[in-house]
PDB file of N, CA and C in Angstrom:
ATOM      1  N   UNK A   1    -260.630  53.161  69.523  1.00  0.00           N
ATOM      2  CA  UNK A   1    -261.890  52.836  70.298  1.00  0.00           C
ATOM      3  C   UNK A   1    -263.022  52.475  69.907  1.00  0.00           C
ATOM      4  N   UNK A   2    -263.300  52.794  68.510  1.00  0.00           N
ATOM      5  CA  UNK A   2    -264.651  52.562  68.038  1.00  0.00           C
ATOM      6  C   UNK A   2    -265.216  51.032  68.203  1.00  0.00           C
ATOM      7  N   UNK A   3    -264.017  50.082  68.218  1.00  0.00           N
ATOM      8  CA  UNK A   3    -264.187  48.733  68.338  1.00  0.00           C
ATOM      9  C   UNK A   3    -265.022  48.457  69.602  1.00  0.00           C
ATOM     10  N   UNK A   4    -264.773  49.299  70.591  1.00  0.00           N
ATOM     11  CA  UNK A   4    -265.427  49.009  72.007  1.00  0.00           C
ATOM     12  C   UNK A   4    -266.798  49.737  72.177  1.00  0.00           C
ATOM     13  N   UNK A   5    -267.556  50.069  71.246  1.00  0.00           N
ATOM     14  CA  UNK A   5    -268.812  50.719  71.266  1.00  0.00           C
ATOM     15  C   UNK A   5    -269.916  49.684  71.807  1.00  0.00           C
ATOM     16  N   UNK A   6    -269.646  48.353  71.549  1.00  0.00           N
ATOM     17  CA  UNK A   6    -270.618  47.704  71.850  1.00  0.00           C
ATOM     18  C   UNK A   6    -270.833  47.632  73.421  1.00  0.00           C
ATOM     19  N   UNK A   7    -269.828  48.014  74.131  1.00  0.00           N
ATOM     20  CA  UNK A   7    -270.022  48.089  75.619  1.00  0.00           C
ATOM     21  C   UNK A   7    -270.742  49.116  76.086  1.00  0.00           C
ATOM     22  N   UNK A   8    -271.202  49.956  75.199  1.00  0.00           N
ATOM     23  CA  UNK A   8    -272.184  51.118  75.600  1.00  0.00           C
ATOM     24  C   UNK A   8    -273.597  50.339  75.070  1.00  0.00           C
ATOM     25  N   UNK A   9    -273.988  49.493  74.695  1.00  0.00           N
ATOM     26  CA  UNK A   9    -275.138  49.132  74.411  1.00  0.00           C
ATOM     27  C   UNK A   9    -276.022  48.745  75.380  1.00  0.00           C
ATOM     28  N   UNK A  10    -277.383  49.411  75.274  1.00  0.00           N
ATOM     29  CA  UNK A  10    -278.104  49.352  76.566  1.00  0.00           C
ATOM     30  C   UNK A  10    -279.494  48.700  75.675  1.00  0.00           C
ATOM     31  N   UNK A  11    -279.858  47.394  75.719  1.00  0.00           N
ATOM     32  CA  UNK A  11    -280.995  46.865  75.081  1.00  0.00           C
ATOM     33  C   UNK A  11    -282.142  47.221  75.864  1.00  0.00           C
ATOM     34  N   UNK A  12    -283.320  47.565  75.020  1.00  0.00           N
ATOM     35  CA  UNK A  12    -284.780  47.682  75.626  1.00  0.00           C
ATOM     36  C   UNK A  12    -285.166  46.437  75.733  1.00  0.00           C
ATOM     37  N   UNK A  13    -285.359  45.896  77.027  1.00  0.00           N
ATOM     38  CA  UNK A  13    -285.722  44.471  77.059  1.00  0.00           C
ATOM     39  C   UNK A  13    -287.303  44.448  77.110  1.00  0.00           C
ATOM     40  N   UNK A  14    -288.077  45.416  76.881  1.00  0.00           N
ATOM     41  CA  UNK A  14    -289.540  45.503  76.773  1.00  0.00           C
ATOM     42  C   UNK A  14    -289.801  45.475  75.254  1.00  0.00           C
ATOM     43  N   UNK A  15    -288.692  45.448  74.457  1.00  0.00           N
ATOM     44  CA  UNK A  15    -288.933  45.387  73.025  1.00  0.00           C
ATOM     45  C   UNK A  15    -289.019  44.154  72.503  1.00  0.00           C
ATOM     46  N   UNK A  16    -290.180  43.790  71.902  1.00  0.00           N
ATOM     47  CA  UNK A  16    -290.417  42.642  71.089  1.00  0.00           C
ATOM     48  C   UNK A  16    -289.369  41.988  70.365  1.00  0.00           C
ATOM     49  N   UNK A  17    -288.387  42.960  69.630  1.00  0.00           N
ATOM     50  CA  UNK A  17    -287.478  42.247  68.675  1.00  0.00           C
ATOM     51  C   UNK A  17    -286.260  41.919  69.797  1.00  0.00           C
ATOM     52  N   UNK A  18    -285.921  42.727  70.751  1.00  0.00           N
ATOM     53  CA  UNK A  18    -285.007  42.184  71.830  1.00  0.00           C
ATOM     54  C   UNK A  18    -285.101  40.871  72.352  1.00  0.00           C
ATOM     55  N   UNK A  19    -286.489  40.854  72.837  1.00  0.00           N
ATOM     56  CA  UNK A  19    -287.170  39.609  73.496  1.00  0.00           C
ATOM     57  C   UNK A  19    -287.031  38.574  72.760  1.00  0.00           C
ATOM     58  N   UNK A  20    -287.293  38.682  71.124  1.00  0.00           N
ATOM     59  CA  UNK A  20    -287.253  37.199  70.310  1.00  0.00           C
ATOM     60  C   UNK A  20    -285.764  36.907  70.042  1.00  0.00           C
ATOM     61  N   UNK A  21    -284.760  38.094  69.934  1.00  0.00           N
ATOM     62  CA  UNK A  21    -283.514  37.569  69.868  1.00  0.00           C
ATOM     63  C   UNK A  21    -282.757  37.046  71.062  1.00  0.00           C
ATOM     64  N   UNK A  22    -283.248  37.438  72.214  1.00  0.00           N
ATOM     65  CA  UNK A  22    -282.994  36.815  73.801  1.00  0.00           C
ATOM     66  C   UNK A  22    -283.415  35.329  73.648  1.00  0.00           C
ATOM     67  N   UNK A  23    -284.570  35.239  73.286  1.00  0.00           N
ATOM     68  CA  UNK A  23    -285.176  33.684  73.123  1.00  0.00           C
ATOM     69  C   UNK A  23    -284.282  32.733  72.528  1.00  0.00           C
ATOM     70  N   UNK A  24    -283.738  33.335  71.153  1.00  0.00           N
ATOM     71  CA  UNK A  24    -283.201  32.497  70.319  1.00  0.00           C
ATOM     72  C   UNK A  24    -281.710  32.095  70.822  1.00  0.00           C
ATOM     73  N   UNK A  25    -281.269  33.057  71.860  1.00  0.00           N
ATOM     74  CA  UNK A  25    -279.850  32.496  72.285  1.00  0.00           C
ATOM     75  C   UNK A  25    -279.814  31.151  72.768  1.00  0.00           C
ATOM     76  N   UNK A  26    -280.730  30.597  73.491  1.00  0.00           N
ATOM     77  CA  UNK A  26    -280.788  29.413  74.225  1.00  0.00           C
ATOM     78  C   UNK A  26    -280.530  28.114  72.987  1.00  0.00           C
ATOM     79  N   UNK A  27    -281.292  28.522  71.832  1.00  0.00           N
ATOM     80  CA  UNK A  27    -281.292  27.693  70.736  1.00  0.00           C
ATOM     81  C   UNK A  27    -279.966  27.452  70.178  1.00  0.00           C
ATOM     82  N   UNK A  28    -279.021  28.624  69.764  1.00  0.00           N
ATOM     83  CA  UNK A  28    -278.004  28.548  68.869  1.00  0.00           C
ATOM     84  C   UNK A  28    -276.754  28.082  69.796  1.00  0.00           C
ATOM     85  N   UNK A  29    -276.939  28.285  71.252  1.00  0.00           N
ATOM     86  CA  UNK A  29    -275.942  27.527  72.237  1.00  0.00           C
ATOM     87  C   UNK A  29    -276.325  26.345  72.736  1.00  0.00           C
ATOM     88  N   UNK A  30    -277.406  25.636  72.438  1.00  0.00           N
ATOM     89  CA  UNK A  30    -277.792  24.500  73.118  1.00  0.00           C
ATOM     90  C   UNK A  30    -276.775  23.285  72.597  1.00  0.00           C
ATOM     91  N   UNK A  31    -276.340  23.402  71.343  1.00  0.00           N
ATOM     92  CA  UNK A  31    -275.471  22.303  70.818  1.00  0.00           C
ATOM     93  C   UNK A  31    -274.228  22.225  71.804  1.00  0.00           C
ATOM     94  N   UNK A  32    -273.642  23.476  71.906  1.00  0.00           N
ATOM     95  CA  UNK A  32    -272.423  23.682  72.411  1.00  0.00           C
ATOM     96  C   UNK A  32    -272.585  23.163  74.007  1.00  0.00           C
ATOM     97  N   UNK A  33    -273.631  23.502  74.593  1.00  0.00           N
ATOM     98  CA  UNK A  33    -273.882  23.152  75.920  1.00  0.00           C
ATOM     99  C   UNK A  33    -274.283  21.708  76.240  1.00  0.00           C
ATOM    100  N   UNK A  34    -274.676  20.914  75.179  1.00  0.00           N
ATOM    101  CA  UNK A  34    -274.961  19.657  75.251  1.00  0.00           C
ATOM    102  C   UNK A  34    -273.568  18.986  75.159  1.00  0.00           C
ATOM    103  N   UNK A  35    -272.602  19.436  74.338  1.00  0.00           N
ATOM    104  CA  UNK A  35    -271.376  18.961  74.151  1.00  0.00           C
ATOM    105  C   UNK A  35    -270.529  19.051  75.343  1.00  0.00           C
ATOM    106  N   UNK A  36    -270.651  20.158  75.807  1.00  0.00           N
ATOM    107  CA  UNK A  36    -269.829  20.494  77.266  1.00  0.00           C
ATOM    108  C   UNK A  36    -270.338  19.641  78.209  1.00  0.00           C
ATOM    109  N   UNK A  37    -271.626  19.265  78.262  1.00  0.00           N
ATOM    110  CA  UNK A  37    -272.184  18.365  79.477  1.00  0.00           C
ATOM    111  C   UNK A  37    -271.806  17.073  79.039  1.00  0.00           C
ATOM    112  N   UNK A  38    -271.575  16.607  77.967  1.00  0.00           N
ATOM    113  CA  UNK A  38    -271.002  14.904  77.851  1.00  0.00           C
ATOM    114  C   UNK A  38    -269.731  15.144  78.704  1.00  0.00           C
ATOM    115  N   UNK A  39    -268.880  16.056  78.639  1.00  0.00           N
ATOM    116  CA  UNK A  39    -267.662  15.884  79.330  1.00  0.00           C
ATOM    117  C   UNK A  39    -267.595  16.225  80.748  1.00  0.00           C
ATOM    118  N   UNK A  40    -268.664  16.601  81.441  1.00  0.00           N
ATOM    119  CA  UNK A  40    -268.859  16.953  82.914  1.00  0.00           C
ATOM    120  C   UNK A  40    -269.096  15.468  83.447  1.00  0.00           C
ATOM    121  N   UNK A  41    -268.112  15.238  84.381  1.00  0.00           N
ATOM    122  CA  UNK A  41    -268.396  13.895  85.312  1.00  0.00           C
ATOM    123  C   UNK A  41    -269.491  14.368  86.285  1.00  0.00           C
ATOM    124  N   UNK A  42    -270.662  13.427  86.234  1.00  0.00           N
ATOM    125  CA  UNK A  42    -271.660  13.511  87.441  1.00  0.00           C
ATOM    126  C   UNK A  42    -271.612  12.695  88.637  1.00  0.00           C
ATOM    127  N   UNK A  43    -270.740  11.810  88.674  1.00  0.00           N
ATOM    128  CA  UNK A  43    -270.807  10.709  89.862  1.00  0.00           C
ATOM    129  C   UNK A  43    -270.300  11.611  91.010  1.00  0.00           C
ATOM    130  N   UNK A  44    -271.130  11.447  91.958  1.00  0.00           N
ATOM    131  CA  UNK A  44    -270.887  11.869  93.441  1.00  0.00           C
ATOM    132  C   UNK A  44    -271.042  13.671  93.227  1.00  0.00           C
ATOM    133  N   UNK A  45    -271.659  14.019  92.453  1.00  0.00           N
ATOM    134  CA  UNK A  45    -271.818  15.566  92.399  1.00  0.00           C
ATOM    135  C   UNK A  45    -273.168  15.706  93.282  1.00  0.00           C
ATOM    136  N   UNK A  46    -272.662  16.916  94.221  1.00  0.00           N
ATOM    137  CA  UNK A  46    -273.919  17.119  95.165  1.00  0.00           C
ATOM    138  C   UNK A  46    -274.169  18.615  95.163  1.00  0.00           C
ATOM    139  N   UNK A  47    -273.228  19.410  94.633  1.00  0.00           N
ATOM    140  CA  UNK A  47    -273.230  21.121  94.478  1.00  0.00           C
ATOM    141  C   UNK A  47    -272.909  21.217  93.267  1.00  0.00           C
ATOM    142  N   UNK A  48    -273.907  22.259  92.483  1.00  0.00           N
ATOM    143  CA  UNK A  48    -273.527  22.826  90.986  1.00  0.00           C
ATOM    144  C   UNK A  48    -273.627  24.362  91.333  1.00  0.00           C
ATOM    145  N   UNK A  49    -272.690  25.060  90.885  1.00  0.00           N
ATOM    146  CA  UNK A  49    -272.605  26.593  90.888  1.00  0.00           C
ATOM    147  C   UNK A  49    -272.569  27.070  89.279  1.00  0.00           C
ATOM    148  N   UNK A  50    -273.553  27.859  88.912  1.00  0.00           N
ATOM    149  CA  UNK A  50    -273.606  28.289  87.645  1.00  0.00           C
ATOM    150  C   UNK A  50    -273.084  29.979  87.906  1.00  0.00           C
ATOM    151  N   UNK A  51    -271.856  30.363  87.226  1.00  0.00           N
ATOM    152  CA  UNK A  51    -271.475  31.758  87.523  1.00  0.00           C
ATOM    153  C   UNK A  51    -271.822  32.645  86.381  1.00  0.00           C
ATOM    154  N   UNK A  52    -273.083  32.908  86.437  1.00  0.00           N
ATOM    155  CA  UNK A  52    -273.463  33.788  85.321  1.00  0.00           C
ATOM    156  C   UNK A  52    -273.004  33.590  83.831  1.00  0.00           C
ATOM    157  N   UNK A  53    -273.072  32.335  83.416  1.00  0.00           N
ATOM    158  CA  UNK A  53    -272.718  32.241  81.978  1.00  0.00           C
ATOM    159  C   UNK A  53    -273.689  32.200  80.948  1.00  0.00           C
ATOM    160  N   UNK A  54    -274.706  32.929  81.056  1.00  0.00           N
ATOM    161  CA  UNK A  54    -275.786  33.229  79.893  1.00  0.00           C
ATOM    162  C   UNK A  54    -277.061  32.969  80.523  1.00  0.00           C
ATOM    163  N   UNK A  55    -277.977  32.086  79.626  1.00  0.00           N
ATOM    164  CA  UNK A  55    -279.297  32.110  79.967  1.00  0.00           C
ATOM    165  C   UNK A  55    -279.569  30.938  80.953  1.00  0.00           C
ATOM    166  N   UNK A  56    -278.637  30.197  81.354  1.00  0.00           N
ATOM    167  CA  UNK A  56    -278.842  29.071  82.481  1.00  0.00           C
ATOM    168  C   UNK A  56    -279.056  27.737  81.905  1.00  0.00           C
ATOM    169  N   UNK A  57    -278.908  27.477  80.618  1.00  0.00           N
ATOM    170  CA  UNK A  57    -279.314  26.249  79.971  1.00  0.00           C
ATOM    171  C   UNK A  57    -278.346  25.315  80.470  1.00  0.00           C
ATOM    172  N   UNK A  58    -277.075  25.271  80.721  1.00  0.00           N
ATOM    173  CA  UNK A  58    -276.262  24.334  81.387  1.00  0.00           C
ATOM    174  C   UNK A  58    -276.715  24.011  82.717  1.00  0.00           C
ATOM    175  N   UNK A  59    -277.181  24.936  83.469  1.00  0.00           N
ATOM    176  CA  UNK A  59    -277.591  24.625  84.819  1.00  0.00           C
ATOM    177  C   UNK A  59    -278.778  23.863  85.073  1.00  0.00           C
ATOM    178  N   UNK A  60    -279.963  24.336  83.919  1.00  0.00           N
ATOM    179  CA  UNK A  60    -281.106  23.569  84.066  1.00  0.00           C
ATOM    180  C   UNK A  60    -280.949  22.251  83.666  1.00  0.00           C
ATOM    181  N   UNK A  61    -280.141  22.107  82.645  1.00  0.00           N
ATOM    182  CA  UNK A  61    -279.862  20.587  82.120  1.00  0.00           C
ATOM    183  C   UNK A  61    -279.138  19.686  83.239  1.00  0.00           C
ATOM    184  N   UNK A  62    -278.261  20.363  83.970  1.00  0.00           N
ATOM    185  CA  UNK A  62    -277.670  19.573  85.136  1.00  0.00           C
ATOM    186  C   UNK A  62    -278.601  19.349  86.153  1.00  0.00           C
ATOM    187  N   UNK A  63    -279.522  20.248  86.514  1.00  0.00           N
ATOM    188  CA  UNK A  63    -280.491  19.951  87.518  1.00  0.00           C
ATOM    189  C   UNK A  63    -281.261  19.032  87.139  1.00  0.00           C
ATOM    190  N   UNK A  64    -281.829  18.786  85.904  1.00  0.00           N
ATOM    191  CA  UNK A  64    -282.646  17.883  85.382  1.00  0.00           C
ATOM    192  C   UNK A  64    -282.074  16.348  85.700  1.00  0.00           C
ATOM    193  N   UNK A  65    -280.598  16.309  85.129  1.00  0.00           N
ATOM    194  CA  UNK A  65    -279.632  15.149  85.125  1.00  0.00           C
ATOM    195  C   UNK A  65    -279.619  14.614  86.526  1.00  0.00           C
ATOM    196  N   UNK A  66    -279.156  15.619  87.526  1.00  0.00           N
ATOM    197  CA  UNK A  66    -278.752  15.297  88.823  1.00  0.00           C
ATOM    198  C   UNK A  66    -280.064  14.943  89.723  1.00  0.00           C
ATOM    199  N   UNK A  67    -281.235  15.509  89.590  1.00  0.00           N
ATOM    200  CA  UNK A  67    -282.296  15.422  90.202  1.00  0.00           C
ATOM    201  C   UNK A  67    -282.067  15.699  91.841  1.00  0.00           C
ATOM    202  N   UNK A  68    -282.779  15.280  92.625  1.00  0.00           N
ATOM    203  CA  UNK A  68    -282.732  15.670  93.889  1.00  0.00           C
ATOM    204  C   UNK A  68    -281.673  15.390  94.851  1.00  0.00           C
ATOM    205  N   UNK A  69    -280.712  14.563  94.201  1.00  0.00           N
ATOM    206  CA  UNK A  69    -279.244  14.323  94.870  1.00  0.00           C
ATOM    207  C   UNK A  69    -278.364  15.411  94.908  1.00  0.00           C
ATOM    208  N   UNK A  70    -278.841  16.378  94.257  1.00  0.00           N
ATOM    209  CA  UNK A  70    -277.602  17.737  94.098  1.00  0.00           C
ATOM    210  C   UNK A  70    -278.439  19.056  94.395  1.00  0.00           C
ATOM    211  N   UNK A  71    -277.757  20.050  94.811  1.00  0.00           N
ATOM    212  CA  UNK A  71    -278.227  21.403  95.137  1.00  0.00           C
ATOM    213  C   UNK A  71    -277.644  22.060  93.735  1.00  0.00           C
ATOM    214  N   UNK A  72    -278.587  22.858  93.155  1.00  0.00           N
ATOM    215  CA  UNK A  72    -278.047  23.482  91.957  1.00  0.00           C
ATOM    216  C   UNK A  72    -278.300  25.067  92.087  1.00  0.00           C
ATOM    217  N   UNK A  73    -277.323  25.820  91.935  1.00  0.00           N
ATOM    218  CA  UNK A  73    -277.403  27.258  92.019  1.00  0.00           C
ATOM    219  C   UNK A  73    -277.032  27.765  90.932  1.00  0.00           C
TER     220      UNK A  73
END
């Protein structure tokens, strides 16, 4: 059961080190997000729902690509 110890990790989000690591997450995941977005058909899209998949990078990118024609959550 030692393999599950990470489930008990409680980061201190006031810590400069934790904040720095959290800020880096979007950078290392951006390439995957862009590759994913290349495969998402955007024709006639009016609603987008992000189901808590991380820092929100894909959602922000979709909002920029779709503009005012779509409702993005």
